[in-house]
Amino acid sequence: MIRITFVCLEVCLYGLMESGQLNPPMNLITQAEIPEAIDKLRAGGVVGRFIALYE
């Protein structure tokens, strides 16, 4: 039986992202869009990450 720990999984995922083999979608949002983004996260179905840009 293969046992994968959270740390191992995290290291592997970051390694794939660093190498460019894993490129998750990034949704850039403004500070004003944060409440709507939180609602979308609660509803489910969001692919990727929300990244808030502050000016």
Protein backbone atom coordinates (compact mmCIF):
# COMPACT_ATOMS: atom_id res chain seq x y z
CA MET A 1 0.00 0.00 0.00
CA ILE A 2 1.35 3.43 -0.98
CA ARG A 3 0.91 6.13 1.63
CA ILE A 4 1.08 9.71 0.40
CA THR A 5 1.38 12.35 3.07
CA PHE A 6 0.09 15.89 2.73
CA VAL A 7 3.64 17.26 2.78
CA CYS A 8 4.71 14.92 -0.02
CA LEU A 9 1.67 15.89 -2.09
CA GLU A 10 2.31 19.59 -1.50
CA VAL A 11 5.97 19.28 -2.49
CA CYS A 12 5.06 17.34 -5.63
CA LEU A 13 2.38 19.86 -6.65
CA TYR A 14 4.68 22.85 -6.17
CA GLY A 15 7.36 21.03 -8.13
CA LEU A 16 4.98 20.51 -11.04
CA MET A 17 3.90 24.15 -10.94
CA GLU A 18 7.51 25.34 -10.87
CA SER A 19 8.39 23.17 -13.87
CA GLY A 20 5.40 24.45 -15.86
CA GLN A 21 3.77 21.00 -16.09
CA LEU A 22 0.87 22.16 -13.92
CA ASN A 23 -0.57 25.57 -14.65
CA PRO A 24 -3.73 26.26 -12.59
CA PRO A 25 -6.03 29.04 -13.82
CA MET A 26 -5.63 32.31 -11.95
CA ASN A 27 -8.54 34.71 -11.80
CA LEU A 28 -7.30 38.24 -11.20
CA ILE A 29 -9.81 40.38 -9.30
CA THR A 30 -9.91 43.86 -7.83
CA GLN A 31 -10.46 44.63 -4.18
CA ALA A 32 -14.07 45.59 -4.99
CA GLU A 33 -14.69 42.11 -6.48
CA ILE A 34 -13.62 40.19 -3.34
CA PRO A 35 -17.15 39.79 -1.87
CA GLU A 36 -18.46 38.38 -5.17
CA ALA A 37 -15.46 36.03 -5.39
CA ILE A 38 -16.17 34.75 -1.86
CA ASP A 39 -19.78 34.08 -2.84
CA LYS A 40 -18.59 32.11 -5.87
CA LEU A 41 -16.22 30.08 -3.70
CA ARG A 42 -19.01 29.25 -1.26
CA ALA A 43 -21.29 28.19 -4.12
CA GLY A 44 -18.59 25.85 -5.48
CA GLY A 45 -17.47 25.21 -9.01
CA VAL A 46 -14.62 27.74 -9.06
CA VAL A 47 -11.68 26.50 -11.11
CA GLY A 48 -8.28 27.86 -10.16
CA ARG A 49 -7.52 30.62 -7.71
CA PHE A 50 -8.70 34.15 -7.14
CA ILE A 51 -5.86 36.65 -6.82
CA ALA A 52 -6.76 40.09 -5.52
CA LEU A 53 -4.81 42.96 -7.00
CA TYR A 54 -4.34 46.03 -4.84
CA GLU A 55 -3.30 49.37 -6.30
